[in-house]
């Protein structure tokens, strides 16, 4: 009887070494806060002019402090002017009164001619008054619209011109024709009447408007 010896050869198992390095994943909220802080710092650096008006020996002067000082000096007048402008534009748009670019350009040319006759330029005059041509055009546009709105109320009659000449004892210069002289007087009276009627119209508009003030100056 043959003895069969079954040998079981067990292959040696390799000893594997695992190095477990556990990293804590940053929480989404922490990442978001970090990114937000970086973005704020970058934004403040590039937009510092929006927050800081100047620095004195390294100490900043905020734009808000400048604005507060300006409000103390003329905040009420500025606010009233903005309110009037909004009321005027809203009412003119409501009545569909317009002013063309050509009308505004023509008025600009008149102003340029007047300034040039005094030896100046429109650009220099605007700079002196702290205005821009864009702002001037905006004012002229509103004026032209108001002139159309109040045309019937500011018309000047021959009788009014005669009365003015009589009361003021005005006489035309030698180099000006009577017709041109009367035209000058008519324009002058029309301008005065326009100012009166425009002021009254705006006052009536303001009185009928519902205005709520949230700041006291």
C-alpha atoms as a PDB file:
ATOM      1  CA  UNK A   1       0.000   0.000   0.000  1.00  0.00           C
ATOM      2  CA  UNK A   2       1.607   3.097  -1.240  1.00  0.00           C
ATOM      3  CA  UNK A   3       1.457   6.020   1.043  1.00  0.00           C
ATOM      4  CA  UNK A   4       0.739   9.182  -0.853  1.00  0.00           C
ATOM      5  CA  UNK A   5       1.807  12.186   0.962  1.00  0.00           C
ATOM      6  CA  UNK A   6       0.058  15.323  -0.276  1.00  0.00           C
ATOM      7  CA  UNK A   7       2.095  18.329   0.490  1.00  0.00           C
ATOM      8  CA  UNK A   8       0.370  21.544   0.522  1.00  0.00           C
ATOM      9  CA  UNK A   9       2.787  24.270  -0.528  1.00  0.00           C
ATOM     10  CA  UNK A  10       1.568  27.516   0.856  1.00  0.00           C
ATOM     11  CA  UNK A  11       3.007  30.441  -1.048  1.00  0.00           C
ATOM     12  CA  UNK A  12       4.409  33.009   1.298  1.00  0.00           C
ATOM     13  CA  UNK A  13       2.177  36.075   1.380  1.00  0.00           C
ATOM     14  CA  UNK A  14       3.861  39.389   0.838  1.00  0.00           C
ATOM     15  CA  UNK A  15       3.664  41.673   3.774  1.00  0.00           C
ATOM     16  CA  UNK A  16       2.106  44.879   2.468  1.00  0.00           C
ATOM     17  CA  UNK A  17       2.778  48.079   4.264  1.00  0.00           C
ATOM     18  CA  UNK A  18       0.063  50.727   4.073  1.00  0.00           C
ATOM     19  CA  UNK A  19       0.715  54.273   5.097  1.00  0.00           C
ATOM     20  CA  UNK A  20      -2.572  55.960   5.864  1.00  0.00           C
ATOM     21  CA  UNK A  21      -2.259  59.730   5.771  1.00  0.00           C
ATOM     22  CA  UNK A  22      -5.587  61.242   6.594  1.00  0.00           C
ATOM     23  CA  UNK A  23      -6.171  64.819   5.441  1.00  0.00           C
ATOM     24  CA  UNK A  24      -9.128  66.731   6.753  1.00  0.00           C
ATOM     25  CA  UNK A  25     -11.046  68.144   3.846  1.00  0.00           C
ATOM     26  CA  UNK A  26     -11.814  71.819   4.329  1.00  0.00           C
ATOM     27  CA  UNK A  27     -15.459  72.477   4.882  1.00  0.00           C
ATOM     28  CA  UNK A  28     -17.251  74.289   2.026  1.00  0.00           C
ATOM     29  CA  UNK A  29     -18.187  77.156   4.333  1.00  0.00           C
ATOM     30  CA  UNK A  30     -14.562  77.712   5.339  1.00  0.00           C
ATOM     31  CA  UNK A  31     -13.497  77.750   1.676  1.00  0.00           C
ATOM     32  CA  UNK A  32     -16.261  80.184   0.784  1.00  0.00           C
ATOM     33  CA  UNK A  33     -15.294  82.540   3.601  1.00  0.00           C
ATOM     34  CA  UNK A  34     -11.638  82.410   2.620  1.00  0.00           C
ATOM     35  CA  UNK A  35     -12.382  83.152  -1.018  1.00  0.00           C
ATOM     36  CA  UNK A  36     -14.728  85.967  -0.033  1.00  0.00           C
ATOM     37  CA  UNK A  37     -12.078  87.574   2.170  1.00  0.00           C
ATOM     38  CA  UNK A  38      -9.516  87.410  -0.646  1.00  0.00           C
ATOM     39  CA  UNK A  39     -11.958  88.907  -3.124  1.00  0.00           C
ATOM     40  CA  UNK A  40     -12.838  91.707  -0.719  1.00  0.00           C
ATOM     41  CA  UNK A  41      -9.170  92.532  -0.167  1.00  0.00           C
ATOM     42  CA  UNK A  42      -8.504  92.576  -3.916  1.00  0.00           C
ATOM     43  CA  UNK A  43     -11.625  94.674  -4.560  1.00  0.00           C
ATOM     44  CA  UNK A  44     -10.662  97.170  -1.866  1.00  0.00           C
ATOM     45  CA  UNK A  45      -7.184  97.474  -3.337  1.00  0.00           C
ATOM     46  CA  UNK A  46      -8.362  98.210  -6.860  1.00  0.00           C
ATOM     47  CA  UNK A  47     -11.363 100.299  -5.790  1.00  0.00           C
ATOM     48  CA  UNK A  48      -9.799 102.164  -2.892  1.00  0.00           C
ATOM     49  CA  UNK A  49     -10.643 105.444  -4.592  1.00  0.00           C
ATOM     50  CA  UNK A  50     -14.301 104.620  -4.071  1.00  0.00           C
ATOM     51  CA  UNK A  51     -13.822 104.419  -0.311  1.00  0.00           C
ATOM     52  CA  UNK A  52     -10.812 106.576   0.481  1.00  0.00           C
ATOM     53  CA  UNK A  53     -10.684 110.180  -0.718  1.00  0.00           C
ATOM     54  CA  UNK A  54      -7.142 110.900   0.488  1.00  0.00           C
ATOM     55  CA  UNK A  55      -4.538 109.988   3.058  1.00  0.00           C
ATOM     56  CA  UNK A  56      -2.690 112.341   5.393  1.00  0.00           C
ATOM     57  CA  UNK A  57       0.603 110.903   6.650  1.00  0.00           C
ATOM     58  CA  UNK A  58      -0.827 107.461   6.015  1.00  0.00           C
ATOM     59  CA  UNK A  59      -4.098 108.172   7.818  1.00  0.00           C
ATOM     60  CA  UNK A  60      -7.067 107.736   5.429  1.00  0.00           C
ATOM     61  CA  UNK A  61      -9.870 110.211   4.865  1.00  0.00           C
ATOM     62  CA  UNK A  62     -12.977 108.356   3.757  1.00  0.00           C
ATOM     63  CA  UNK A  63     -15.179 109.507   0.921  1.00  0.00           C
ATOM     64  CA  UNK A  64     -18.119 109.163   3.289  1.00  0.00           C
ATOM     65  CA  UNK A  65     -16.676 111.866   5.552  1.00  0.00           C
ATOM     66  CA  UNK A  66     -16.333 114.153   2.515  1.00  0.00           C
ATOM     67  CA  UNK A  67     -19.920 113.443   1.473  1.00  0.00           C
ATOM     68  CA  UNK A  68     -21.176 114.168   4.993  1.00  0.00           C
ATOM     69  CA  UNK A  69     -19.355 117.509   5.008  1.00  0.00           C
ATOM     70  CA  UNK A  70     -20.769 118.434   1.599  1.00  0.00           C
ATOM     71  CA  UNK A  71     -24.257 117.513   2.779  1.00  0.00           C
ATOM     72  CA  UNK A  72     -23.855 119.846   5.748  1.00  0.00           C
ATOM     73  CA  UNK A  73     -22.853 122.698   3.454  1.00  0.00           C
ATOM     74  CA  UNK A  74     -25.449 122.292   0.719  1.00  0.00           C
ATOM     75  CA  UNK A  75     -27.336 119.043   1.131  1.00  0.00           C
ATOM     76  CA  UNK A  76     -30.772 120.661   1.353  1.00  0.00           C
ATOM     77  CA  UNK A  77     -30.283 122.780  -1.770  1.00  0.00           C
ATOM     78  CA  UNK A  78     -28.880 119.832  -3.710  1.00  0.00           C
ATOM     79  CA  UNK A  79     -31.767 117.580  -2.700  1.00  0.00           C
ATOM     80  CA  UNK A  80     -34.371 120.203  -3.627  1.00  0.00           C
ATOM     81  CA  UNK A  81     -32.704 120.675  -7.028  1.00  0.00           C
ATOM     82  CA  UNK A  82     -32.768 116.920  -7.690  1.00  0.00           C
ATOM     83  CA  UNK A  83     -36.423 116.710  -6.625  1.00  0.00           C
ATOM     84  CA  UNK A  84     -37.364 119.615  -8.914  1.00  0.00           C
ATOM     85  CA  UNK A  85     -35.493 118.053 -11.820  1.00  0.00           C
ATOM     86  CA  UNK A  86     -37.234 114.712 -11.337  1.00  0.00           C
ATOM     87  CA  UNK A  87     -40.665 116.350 -11.130  1.00  0.00           C
ATOM     88  CA  UNK A  88     -39.995 118.465 -14.237  1.00  0.00           C
ATOM     89  CA  UNK A  89     -38.707 115.569 -16.349  1.00  0.00           C
ATOM     90  CA  UNK A  90     -41.557 113.294 -15.268  1.00  0.00           C
ATOM     91  CA  UNK A  91     -44.215 115.886 -16.126  1.00  0.00           C
ATOM     92  CA  UNK A  92     -42.617 116.828 -19.461  1.00  0.00           C
ATOM     93  CA  UNK A  93     -42.394 113.164 -20.461  1.00  0.00           C
ATOM     94  CA  UNK A  94     -45.988 112.683 -19.341  1.00  0.00           C
ATOM     95  CA  UNK A  95     -47.070 115.483 -21.672  1.00  0.00           C
ATOM     96  CA  UNK A  96     -44.819 114.068 -24.421  1.00  0.00           C
ATOM     97  CA  UNK A  97     -42.907 117.304 -24.919  1.00  0.00           C
ATOM     98  CA  UNK A  98     -39.572 116.796 -26.651  1.00  0.00           C
ATOM     99  CA  UNK A  99     -36.526 118.777 -27.736  1.00  0.00           C
ATOM    100  CA  UNK A 100     -34.520 117.702 -30.763  1.00  0.00           C
ATOM    101  CA  UNK A 101     -30.753 117.400 -30.942  1.00  0.00           C
ATOM    102  CA  UNK A 102     -30.761 120.106 -33.614  1.00  0.00           C
ATOM    103  CA  UNK A 103     -32.514 122.536 -31.256  1.00  0.00           C
ATOM    104  CA  UNK A 104     -29.993 121.869 -28.515  1.00  0.00           C
ATOM    105  CA  UNK A 105     -27.053 122.140 -30.935  1.00  0.00           C
ATOM    106  CA  UNK A 106     -28.349 125.501 -32.185  1.00  0.00           C
ATOM    107  CA  UNK A 107     -28.518 126.842 -28.631  1.00  0.00           C
ATOM    108  CA  UNK A 108     -25.010 125.558 -27.936  1.00  0.00           C
ATOM    109  CA  UNK A 109     -23.740 127.447 -30.983  1.00  0.00           C
ATOM    110  CA  UNK A 110     -25.414 130.642 -29.738  1.00  0.00           C
ATOM    111  CA  UNK A 111     -23.687 130.293 -26.389  1.00  0.00           C
ATOM    112  CA  UNK A 112     -20.352 129.633 -28.085  1.00  0.00           C
ATOM    113  CA  UNK A 113     -20.780 132.799 -30.163  1.00  0.00           C
ATOM    114  CA  UNK A 114     -21.647 134.869 -27.075  1.00  0.00           C
ATOM    115  CA  UNK A 115     -18.622 133.571 -25.176  1.00  0.00           C
ATOM    116  CA  UNK A 116     -16.363 134.074 -28.205  1.00  0.00           C
ATOM    117  CA  UNK A 117     -17.514 137.691 -28.518  1.00  0.00           C
ATOM    118  CA  UNK A 118     -16.129 138.223 -25.018  1.00  0.00           C
ATOM    119  CA  UNK A 119     -12.803 136.640 -25.958  1.00  0.00           C
ATOM    120  CA  UNK A 120     -13.387 133.269 -24.307  1.00  0.00           C
ATOM    121  CA  UNK A 121     -14.264 129.699 -25.182  1.00  0.00           C
ATOM    122  CA  UNK A 122     -17.152 127.509 -24.120  1.00  0.00           C
ATOM    123  CA  UNK A 123     -14.775 124.917 -22.669  1.00  0.00           C
ATOM    124  CA  UNK A 124     -13.057 127.496 -20.467  1.00  0.00           C
ATOM    125  CA  UNK A 125     -16.382 128.968 -19.351  1.00  0.00           C
ATOM    126  CA  UNK A 126     -17.723 125.537 -18.410  1.00  0.00           C
ATOM    127  CA  UNK A 127     -14.552 124.661 -16.514  1.00  0.00           C
ATOM    128  CA  UNK A 128     -14.764 127.917 -14.588  1.00  0.00           C
ATOM    129  CA  UNK A 129     -18.317 127.073 -13.521  1.00  0.00           C
ATOM    130  CA  UNK A 130     -17.480 123.442 -12.758  1.00  0.00           C
ATOM    131  CA  UNK A 131     -19.736 122.150 -15.523  1.00  0.00           C
ATOM    132  CA  UNK A 132     -19.400 119.814 -18.475  1.00  0.00           C
ATOM    133  CA  UNK A 133     -20.878 120.179 -21.940  1.00  0.00           C
ATOM    134  CA  UNK A 134     -23.013 117.110 -21.251  1.00  0.00           C
ATOM    135  CA  UNK A 135     -24.518 118.830 -18.203  1.00  0.00           C
ATOM    136  CA  UNK A 136     -25.078 122.010 -20.215  1.00  0.00           C
ATOM    137  CA  UNK A 137     -26.874 120.049 -22.928  1.00  0.00           C
ATOM    138  CA  UNK A 138     -29.049 118.445 -20.282  1.00  0.00           C
ATOM    139  CA  UNK A 139     -30.059 121.859 -18.913  1.00  0.00           C
ATOM    140  CA  UNK A 140     -30.709 123.265 -22.394  1.00  0.00           C
ATOM    141  CA  UNK A 141     -32.872 120.253 -23.256  1.00  0.00           C
ATOM    142  CA  UNK A 142     -35.068 120.871 -20.208  1.00  0.00           C
ATOM    143  CA  UNK A 143     -35.228 124.596 -20.983  1.00  0.00           C
ATOM    144  CA  UNK A 144     -36.301 123.968 -24.586  1.00  0.00           C
ATOM    145  CA  UNK A 145     -39.041 121.629 -23.424  1.00  0.00           C
ATOM    146  CA  UNK A 146     -40.266 124.176 -20.888  1.00  0.00           C
ATOM    147  CA  UNK A 147     -40.270 126.897 -23.547  1.00  0.00           C
ATOM    148  CA  UNK A 148     -42.606 124.761 -25.650  1.00  0.00           C
ATOM    149  CA  UNK A 149     -44.800 123.981 -22.662  1.00  0.00           C
ATOM    150  CA  UNK A 150     -45.103 127.640 -21.633  1.00  0.00           C
ATOM    151  CA  UNK A 151     -45.067 129.161 -25.130  1.00  0.00           C
ATOM    152  CA  UNK A 152     -48.563 130.650 -24.853  1.00  0.00           C
ATOM    153  CA  UNK A 153     -47.843 132.202 -21.463  1.00  0.00           C
ATOM    154  CA  UNK A 154     -44.557 133.860 -22.410  1.00  0.00           C
ATOM    155  CA  UNK A 155     -45.577 135.380 -25.741  1.00  0.00           C
ATOM    156  CA  UNK A 156     -44.784 139.106 -25.960  1.00  0.00           C
ATOM    157  CA  UNK A 157     -47.174 141.545 -27.636  1.00  0.00           C
ATOM    158  CA  UNK A 158     -46.340 144.795 -29.424  1.00  0.00           C
ATOM    159  CA  UNK A 159     -48.218 146.645 -26.688  1.00  0.00           C
ATOM    160  CA  UNK A 160     -45.860 145.234 -24.058  1.00  0.00           C
ATOM    161  CA  UNK A 161     -42.839 146.328 -26.104  1.00  0.00           C
ATOM    162  CA  UNK A 162     -44.301 149.821 -26.521  1.00  0.00           C
ATOM    163  CA  UNK A 163     -44.970 150.057 -22.798  1.00  0.00           C
ATOM    164  CA  UNK A 164     -41.418 149.007 -21.983  1.00  0.00           C
ATOM    165  CA  UNK A 165     -39.920 151.573 -24.378  1.00  0.00           C
ATOM    166  CA  UNK A 166     -42.152 154.303 -22.952  1.00  0.00           C
ATOM    167  CA  UNK A 167     -41.542 153.475 -19.293  1.00  0.00           C
ATOM    168  CA  UNK A 168     -37.798 152.961 -19.632  1.00  0.00           C
ATOM    169  CA  UNK A 169     -37.385 155.737 -22.201  1.00  0.00           C
ATOM    170  CA  UNK A 170     -35.222 153.358 -24.199  1.00  0.00           C
ATOM    171  CA  UNK A 171     -33.839 154.456 -27.556  1.00  0.00           C
ATOM    172  CA  UNK A 172     -31.993 152.298 -30.087  1.00  0.00           C
ATOM    173  CA  UNK A 173     -28.276 152.877 -30.715  1.00  0.00           C
ATOM    174  CA  UNK A 174     -27.456 154.619 -33.988  1.00  0.00           C
ATOM    175  CA  UNK A 175     -26.165 151.440 -35.633  1.00  0.00           C
ATOM    176  CA  UNK A 176     -29.275 149.365 -34.801  1.00  0.00           C
ATOM    177  CA  UNK A 177     -32.551 149.488 -36.694  1.00  0.00           C
ATOM    178  CA  UNK A 178     -35.774 150.016 -34.746  1.00  0.00           C
ATOM    179  CA  UNK A 179     -37.029 146.596 -35.867  1.00  0.00           C
ATOM    180  CA  UNK A 180     -33.933 144.884 -34.460  1.00  0.00           C
ATOM    181  CA  UNK A 181     -34.138 147.023 -31.330  1.00  0.00           C
ATOM    182  CA  UNK A 182     -37.708 145.930 -30.704  1.00  0.00           C
ATOM    183  CA  UNK A 183     -36.666 142.317 -31.281  1.00  0.00           C
ATOM    184  CA  UNK A 184     -34.003 142.645 -28.587  1.00  0.00           C
ATOM    185  CA  UNK A 185     -36.550 144.085 -26.173  1.00  0.00           C
ATOM    186  CA  UNK A 186     -38.996 141.313 -27.043  1.00  0.00           C
ATOM    187  CA  UNK A 187     -36.370 138.642 -26.312  1.00  0.00           C
ATOM    188  CA  UNK A 188     -35.483 140.329 -23.038  1.00  0.00           C
ATOM    189  CA  UNK A 189     -39.115 140.548 -21.896  1.00  0.00           C
ATOM    190  CA  UNK A 190     -39.750 136.997 -23.037  1.00  0.00           C
ATOM    191  CA  UNK A 191     -36.804 135.754 -20.987  1.00  0.00           C
ATOM    192  CA  UNK A 192     -38.068 137.539 -17.887  1.00  0.00           C
ATOM    193  CA  UNK A 193     -41.583 136.223 -18.343  1.00  0.00           C
ATOM    194  CA  UNK A 194     -40.273 132.718 -18.973  1.00  0.00           C
ATOM    195  CA  UNK A 195     -38.344 132.736 -15.695  1.00  0.00           C
ATOM    196  CA  UNK A 196     -41.445 133.853 -13.799  1.00  0.00           C
ATOM    197  CA  UNK A 197     -43.784 131.341 -15.430  1.00  0.00           C
ATOM    198  CA  UNK A 198     -41.301 128.463 -15.172  1.00  0.00           C
ATOM    199  CA  UNK A 199     -40.735 129.158 -11.490  1.00  0.00           C
ATOM    200  CA  UNK A 200     -44.482 129.284 -10.856  1.00  0.00           C
ATOM    201  CA  UNK A 201     -45.039 126.070 -12.826  1.00  0.00           C
ATOM    202  CA  UNK A 202     -42.361 124.213 -10.854  1.00  0.00           C
ATOM    203  CA  UNK A 203     -43.724 125.562  -7.552  1.00  0.00           C
ATOM    204  CA  UNK A 204     -47.232 124.353  -8.420  1.00  0.00           C
ATOM    205  CA  UNK A 205     -45.803 120.998  -9.489  1.00  0.00           C
ATOM    206  CA  UNK A 206     -43.914 120.614  -6.221  1.00  0.00           C
ATOM    207  CA  UNK A 207     -46.930 121.633  -4.142  1.00  0.00           C
ATOM    208  CA  UNK A 208     -49.100 118.947  -5.736  1.00  0.00           C
ATOM    209  CA  UNK A 209     -46.462 116.197  -5.496  1.00  0.00           C
ATOM    210  CA  UNK A 210     -46.230 113.638  -2.702  1.00  0.00           C
ATOM    211  CA  UNK A 211     -42.695 114.034  -1.385  1.00  0.00           C
ATOM    212  CA  UNK A 212     -41.376 112.109   1.625  1.00  0.00           C
ATOM    213  CA  UNK A 213     -38.109 113.164   3.227  1.00  0.00           C
ATOM    214  CA  UNK A 214     -35.999 110.557   4.997  1.00  0.00           C
ATOM    215  CA  UNK A 215     -33.056 112.833   5.762  1.00  0.00           C
ATOM    216  CA  UNK A 216     -33.117 116.155   7.582  1.00  0.00           C
ATOM    217  CA  UNK A 217     -30.521 118.739   6.613  1.00  0.00           C
END
